[in-house]
């Protein structure tokens, strides 16, 4: 798995790590059941602190994209590719809405008002 971070990106590093893994899943580079490299290996490859990588991986676990298993490491969860694509779109929507001056609460109200 080849991940890269954009040095010009202003998002926090842990979000960039999560985004890079999310893209790898969405693009099929990582499939459900695949084991990810260790956090230490990822941190060395990306040139960031191991705790930064762990924070990004935990957020993906919380989103249901990764599974942490003692003794087996971190694996891609079943159905992660569809969920990853949807989450990427949601993140883009939230970012665009914020750029236009809308809050997350505004987005929720817009969605609730849809037929």
N, C-alpha and C. Protein backbone atom coordinates (compact mmCIF):
# COMPACT_ATOMS: atom_id res chain seq x y z
N UNK A 1 0.85 -1.17 0.00
CA UNK A 1 0.00 0.00 0.00
C UNK A 1 0.89 1.23 0.00
N UNK A 2 0.71 2.08 -1.00
CA UNK A 2 1.51 3.28 -1.14
C UNK A 2 0.66 4.48 -0.76
N UNK A 3 0.99 5.13 0.34
CA UNK A 3 0.26 6.30 0.80
C UNK A 3 1.18 7.50 0.75
N UNK A 4 0.60 8.64 0.43
CA UNK A 4 1.35 9.89 0.42
C UNK A 4 0.51 10.97 1.06
N UNK A 5 1.19 11.90 1.73
CA UNK A 5 0.52 13.06 2.31
C UNK A 5 0.94 14.29 1.52
N UNK A 6 0.02 15.20 1.35
CA UNK A 6 0.29 16.45 0.63
C UNK A 6 0.76 17.49 1.64
N UNK A 7 2.00 17.92 1.52
CA UNK A 7 2.59 18.88 2.47
C UNK A 7 1.86 20.22 2.45
N UNK A 8 1.16 20.52 1.36
CA UNK A 8 0.44 21.79 1.26
C UNK A 8 -0.95 21.72 1.90
N UNK A 9 -1.42 20.54 2.20
CA UNK A 9 -2.74 20.35 2.80
C UNK A 9 -2.75 20.97 4.19
N UNK A 10 -3.78 21.75 4.49
CA UNK A 10 -3.85 22.43 5.79
C UNK A 10 -4.60 21.62 6.84
N UNK A 11 -5.17 20.49 6.44
CA UNK A 11 -5.88 19.67 7.42
C UNK A 11 -4.89 19.07 8.40
N UNK A 12 -5.35 18.74 9.62
CA UNK A 12 -4.46 18.07 10.58
C UNK A 12 -3.92 16.76 9.99
N UNK A 13 -2.71 16.41 10.39
CA UNK A 13 -2.05 15.22 9.82
C UNK A 13 -2.85 13.95 10.02
N UNK A 14 -3.49 13.77 11.18
CA UNK A 14 -4.26 12.54 11.40
C UNK A 14 -5.42 12.43 10.42
N UNK A 15 -6.02 13.57 10.04
CA UNK A 15 -7.09 13.55 9.04
C UNK A 15 -6.54 13.21 7.66
N UNK A 16 -5.34 13.69 7.37
CA UNK A 16 -4.71 13.36 6.09
C UNK A 16 -4.39 11.87 6.01
N UNK A 17 -3.91 11.31 7.12
CA UNK A 17 -3.61 9.87 7.16
C UNK A 17 -4.90 9.08 6.92
N UNK A 18 -5.97 9.46 7.63
CA UNK A 18 -7.25 8.77 7.46
C UNK A 18 -7.74 8.90 6.03
N UNK A 19 -7.60 10.08 5.44
CA UNK A 19 -8.03 10.30 4.07
C UNK A 19 -7.25 9.44 3.08
N UNK A 20 -5.95 9.31 3.31
CA UNK A 20 -5.11 8.50 2.41
C UNK A 20 -5.52 7.03 2.47
N UNK A 21 -5.78 6.52 3.66
CA UNK A 21 -6.21 5.13 3.80
C UNK A 21 -7.61 4.97 3.22
N UNK A 22 -8.49 5.94 3.47
CA UNK A 22 -9.85 5.89 2.93
C UNK A 22 -9.81 5.82 1.40
N UNK A 23 -8.95 6.63 0.78
CA UNK A 23 -8.83 6.60 -0.67
C UNK A 23 -8.30 5.25 -1.16
N UNK A 24 -7.33 4.68 -0.44
CA UNK A 24 -6.79 3.37 -0.83
C UNK A 24 -7.89 2.32 -0.80
N UNK A 25 -8.77 2.40 0.17
CA UNK A 25 -9.89 1.46 0.26
C UNK A 25 -10.88 1.71 -0.87
N UNK A 26 -11.25 2.98 -1.09
CA UNK A 26 -12.23 3.32 -2.12
C UNK A 26 -11.74 2.95 -3.51
N UNK A 27 -10.43 3.06 -3.75
CA UNK A 27 -9.88 2.77 -5.06
C UNK A 27 -9.55 1.29 -5.25
N UNK A 28 -9.81 0.48 -4.22
CA UNK A 28 -9.60 -0.96 -4.34
C UNK A 28 -8.17 -1.41 -4.08
N UNK A 29 -7.32 -0.50 -3.64
CA UNK A 29 -5.95 -0.89 -3.32
C UNK A 29 -5.93 -1.77 -2.08
N UNK A 30 -6.86 -1.53 -1.17
CA UNK A 30 -7.04 -2.36 0.02
C UNK A 30 -8.45 -2.91 -0.03
N UNK A 31 -8.59 -4.20 0.12
CA UNK A 31 -9.90 -4.84 0.05
C UNK A 31 -10.31 -5.37 1.42
N UNK A 32 -11.60 -5.62 1.60
CA UNK A 32 -12.05 -6.18 2.88
C UNK A 32 -11.26 -7.43 3.24
N UNK A 33 -10.82 -7.47 4.48
CA UNK A 33 -10.02 -8.59 4.98
C UNK A 33 -8.52 -8.36 4.88
N UNK A 34 -8.11 -7.41 4.04
CA UNK A 34 -6.67 -7.11 3.91
C UNK A 34 -6.14 -6.52 5.20
N UNK A 35 -4.93 -6.91 5.52
CA UNK A 35 -4.27 -6.39 6.71
C UNK A 35 -3.42 -5.18 6.32
N UNK A 36 -3.52 -4.12 7.11
CA UNK A 36 -2.73 -2.93 6.87
C UNK A 36 -1.34 -3.09 7.48
N UNK A 37 -0.36 -2.35 6.96
CA UNK A 37 0.95 -2.34 7.61
C UNK A 37 0.80 -1.82 9.04
N UNK A 38 1.76 -2.11 9.88
CA UNK A 38 1.69 -1.64 11.26
C UNK A 38 1.72 -0.12 11.30
N UNK A 39 1.21 0.44 12.38
CA UNK A 39 1.22 1.89 12.56
C UNK A 39 2.65 2.42 12.52
N UNK A 40 3.56 1.68 13.07
CA UNK A 40 4.97 2.10 13.06
C UNK A 40 5.50 2.16 11.62
N UNK A 41 5.20 1.13 10.83
CA UNK A 41 5.64 1.13 9.43
C UNK A 41 5.00 2.27 8.64
N UNK A 42 3.70 2.50 8.87
CA UNK A 42 3.02 3.59 8.19
C UNK A 42 3.62 4.94 8.59
N UNK A 43 3.91 5.10 9.87
CA UNK A 43 4.45 6.38 10.34
C UNK A 43 5.82 6.65 9.71
N UNK A 44 6.62 5.61 9.59
CA UNK A 44 7.94 5.78 8.96
C UNK A 44 7.80 6.12 7.47
N UNK A 45 6.88 5.44 6.80
CA UNK A 45 6.69 5.67 5.37
C UNK A 45 6.15 7.08 5.09
N UNK A 46 5.30 7.57 5.99
CA UNK A 46 4.68 8.88 5.80
C UNK A 46 5.48 10.01 6.42
N UNK A 47 6.43 9.67 7.28
CA UNK A 47 7.23 10.70 7.93
C UNK A 47 6.49 11.46 9.00
N UNK A 48 5.57 10.76 9.70
CA UNK A 48 4.82 11.38 10.80
C UNK A 48 4.94 10.51 12.05
N UNK A 49 4.53 11.06 13.17
CA UNK A 49 4.58 10.36 14.44
C UNK A 49 3.62 9.17 14.43
N UNK A 50 3.99 8.09 15.10
CA UNK A 50 3.15 6.89 15.16
C UNK A 50 1.80 7.20 15.81
N UNK A 51 1.77 8.11 16.79
CA UNK A 51 0.50 8.47 17.43
C UNK A 51 -0.44 9.19 16.46
N UNK A 52 0.12 9.92 15.53
CA UNK A 52 -0.68 10.58 14.49
C UNK A 52 -1.35 9.53 13.61
N UNK A 53 -0.59 8.52 13.22
CA UNK A 53 -1.13 7.43 12.41
C UNK A 53 -2.22 6.70 13.18
N UNK A 54 -1.95 6.39 14.44
CA UNK A 54 -2.95 5.67 15.26
C UNK A 54 -4.24 6.47 15.38
N UNK A 55 -4.12 7.77 15.54
CA UNK A 55 -5.32 8.61 15.66
C UNK A 55 -6.13 8.54 14.37
N UNK A 56 -5.45 8.60 13.22
CA UNK A 56 -6.16 8.48 11.94
C UNK A 56 -6.80 7.12 11.75
N UNK A 57 -6.10 6.06 12.14
CA UNK A 57 -6.65 4.71 12.02
C UNK A 57 -7.84 4.51 12.95
N UNK A 58 -7.77 5.09 14.14
CA UNK A 58 -8.90 4.97 15.08
C UNK A 58 -10.14 5.65 14.52
N UNK A 59 -9.96 6.78 13.85
CA UNK A 59 -11.13 7.46 13.28
C UNK A 59 -11.77 6.60 12.19
N UNK A 60 -10.95 5.89 11.43
CA UNK A 60 -11.49 4.98 10.41
C UNK A 60 -12.17 3.78 11.04
N UNK A 61 -11.64 3.32 12.17
CA UNK A 61 -12.30 2.24 12.91
C UNK A 61 -13.67 2.72 13.40
N UNK A 62 -13.71 3.93 13.91
CA UNK A 62 -14.97 4.50 14.39
C UNK A 62 -15.98 4.69 13.26
N UNK A 63 -15.49 4.91 12.04
CA UNK A 63 -16.36 5.04 10.87
C UNK A 63 -16.78 3.68 10.31
N UNK A 64 -16.24 2.60 10.87
CA UNK A 64 -16.60 1.26 10.42
C UNK A 64 -15.80 0.75 9.23
N UNK A 65 -14.69 1.44 8.91
CA UNK A 65 -13.89 1.03 7.76
C UNK A 65 -12.79 0.04 8.12
N UNK A 66 -12.33 0.10 9.36
CA UNK A 66 -11.24 -0.77 9.81
C UNK A 66 -11.67 -1.55 11.04
N UNK A 67 -11.03 -2.69 11.23
CA UNK A 67 -11.23 -3.51 12.43
C UNK A 67 -9.88 -3.70 13.09
N UNK A 68 -9.83 -3.50 14.39
CA UNK A 68 -8.61 -3.73 15.16
C UNK A 68 -8.78 -5.06 15.86
N UNK A 69 -7.86 -5.98 15.62
CA UNK A 69 -7.95 -7.30 16.26
C UNK A 69 -6.62 -7.60 16.93
N UNK A 70 -6.72 -7.90 18.20
CA UNK A 70 -5.52 -8.23 18.97
C UNK A 70 -4.83 -9.44 18.35
N UNK A 71 -3.56 -9.28 18.09
CA UNK A 71 -2.77 -10.37 17.53
C UNK A 71 -2.86 -10.48 16.02
N UNK A 72 -3.83 -9.81 15.41
CA UNK A 72 -3.99 -9.87 13.95
C UNK A 72 -3.79 -8.52 13.29
N UNK A 73 -3.65 -7.48 14.08
CA UNK A 73 -3.43 -6.16 13.53
C UNK A 73 -4.70 -5.48 13.07
N UNK A 74 -4.52 -4.57 12.14
CA UNK A 74 -5.63 -3.76 11.62
C UNK A 74 -6.00 -4.30 10.24
N UNK A 75 -7.28 -4.60 10.06
CA UNK A 75 -7.75 -5.11 8.77
C UNK A 75 -8.88 -4.23 8.24
N UNK A 76 -9.08 -4.29 6.94
CA UNK A 76 -10.17 -3.56 6.30
C UNK A 76 -11.47 -4.31 6.57
N UNK A 77 -12.48 -3.61 7.02
CA UNK A 77 -13.77 -4.20 7.38
C UNK A 77 -14.56 -4.59 6.14
N UNK A 78 -15.44 -5.56 6.29
CA UNK A 78 -16.35 -5.96 5.21
C UNK A 78 -17.23 -4.77 4.84
N UNK A 79 -17.44 -4.56 3.56
CA UNK A 79 -18.28 -3.46 3.09
C UNK A 79 -17.60 -2.10 3.15
N UNK A 80 -16.33 -2.08 3.48
CA UNK A 80 -15.63 -0.81 3.67
C UNK A 80 -15.54 0.00 2.39
N UNK A 81 -15.44 -0.68 1.23
CA UNK A 81 -15.25 0.07 -0.01
C UNK A 81 -16.45 0.96 -0.33
N UNK A 82 -17.67 0.45 -0.14
CA UNK A 82 -18.86 1.27 -0.38
C UNK A 82 -18.97 2.38 0.67
N UNK A 83 -18.74 2.01 1.91
CA UNK A 83 -18.84 2.98 3.00
C UNK A 83 -17.77 4.06 2.84
N UNK A 84 -16.58 3.68 2.40
CA UNK A 84 -15.49 4.63 2.22
C UNK A 84 -15.85 5.66 1.15
N UNK A 85 -16.40 5.20 0.05
CA UNK A 85 -16.78 6.11 -1.03
C UNK A 85 -17.84 7.10 -0.54
N UNK A 86 -18.83 6.59 0.17
CA UNK A 86 -19.89 7.46 0.69
C UNK A 86 -19.31 8.46 1.69
N UNK A 87 -18.45 8.00 2.59
CA UNK A 87 -17.87 8.90 3.58
C UNK A 87 -17.01 9.98 2.92
N UNK A 88 -16.31 9.62 1.86
CA UNK A 88 -15.51 10.60 1.12
C UNK A 88 -16.41 11.69 0.56
N UNK A 89 -17.55 11.29 0.02
CA UNK A 89 -18.50 12.26 -0.52
C UNK A 89 -19.10 13.13 0.59
N UNK A 90 -19.39 12.52 1.73
CA UNK A 90 -19.94 13.29 2.86
C UNK A 90 -18.92 14.31 3.34
N UNK A 91 -17.67 13.90 3.47
CA UNK A 91 -16.62 14.83 3.89
C UNK A 91 -16.49 15.99 2.90
N UNK A 92 -16.56 15.68 1.62
CA UNK A 92 -16.48 16.74 0.60
C UNK A 92 -17.67 17.68 0.72
N UNK A 93 -18.86 17.14 0.97
CA UNK A 93 -20.05 17.96 1.13
C UNK A 93 -19.93 18.88 2.34
N UNK A 94 -19.48 18.33 3.46
CA UNK A 94 -19.32 19.13 4.68
C UNK A 94 -18.29 20.24 4.46
N UNK A 95 -17.21 19.92 3.79
CA UNK A 95 -16.17 20.91 3.50
C UNK A 95 -16.71 22.02 2.60
N UNK A 96 -17.43 21.63 1.56
CA UNK A 96 -18.00 22.62 0.64
C UNK A 96 -19.05 23.48 1.34
N UNK A 97 -19.88 22.85 2.16
CA UNK A 97 -20.90 23.60 2.90
C UNK A 97 -20.25 24.62 3.83
N UNK A 98 -19.19 24.22 4.52
CA UNK A 98 -18.49 25.15 5.42
C UNK A 98 -17.90 26.31 4.62
N UNK A 99 -17.37 26.02 3.45
CA UNK A 99 -16.82 27.06 2.60
C UNK A 99 -17.89 28.08 2.21
N UNK A 100 -19.11 27.58 2.05
CA UNK A 100 -20.24 28.45 1.67
C UNK A 100 -20.95 29.07 2.87
N UNK A 101 -20.47 28.74 4.08
CA UNK A 101 -21.04 29.35 5.28
C UNK A 101 -22.13 28.54 5.96
N UNK A 102 -22.31 27.29 5.57
CA UNK A 102 -23.32 26.44 6.20
C UNK A 102 -22.67 25.58 7.28
N UNK A 103 -23.39 25.38 8.36
CA UNK A 103 -22.90 24.52 9.44
C UNK A 103 -23.36 23.09 9.20
N UNK A 104 -22.83 22.18 10.00
CA UNK A 104 -23.28 20.78 9.91
C UNK A 104 -24.76 20.68 10.27
N UNK A 105 -25.18 21.47 11.24
CA UNK A 105 -26.60 21.48 11.63
C UNK A 105 -27.47 21.93 10.45
N UNK A 106 -26.99 22.92 9.68
CA UNK A 106 -27.73 23.36 8.49
C UNK A 106 -27.87 22.21 7.49
N UNK A 107 -26.77 21.45 7.31
CA UNK A 107 -26.82 20.31 6.40
C UNK A 107 -27.82 19.26 6.86
N UNK A 108 -27.82 18.98 8.16
CA UNK A 108 -28.75 17.99 8.71
C UNK A 108 -30.19 18.44 8.45
N UNK A 109 -30.48 19.71 8.64
CA UNK A 109 -31.83 20.22 8.39
C UNK A 109 -32.19 20.12 6.92
N UNK A 110 -31.22 20.38 6.04
CA UNK A 110 -31.46 20.24 4.60
C UNK A 110 -31.81 18.80 4.25
N UNK A 111 -31.07 17.86 4.82
CA UNK A 111 -31.31 16.45 4.54
C UNK A 111 -32.67 16.03 5.09
N UNK A 112 -33.00 16.46 6.29
CA UNK A 112 -34.31 16.11 6.87
C UNK A 112 -35.45 16.66 6.04
N UNK A 113 -35.24 17.79 5.38
CA UNK A 113 -36.28 18.41 4.57
C UNK A 113 -36.44 17.81 3.18
N UNK A 114 -35.57 16.85 2.84
CA UNK A 114 -35.65 16.23 1.52
C UNK A 114 -36.79 15.22 1.46
N UNK A 115 -37.42 15.13 0.28
CA UNK A 115 -38.52 14.14 0.15
C UNK A 115 -38.03 12.72 0.16
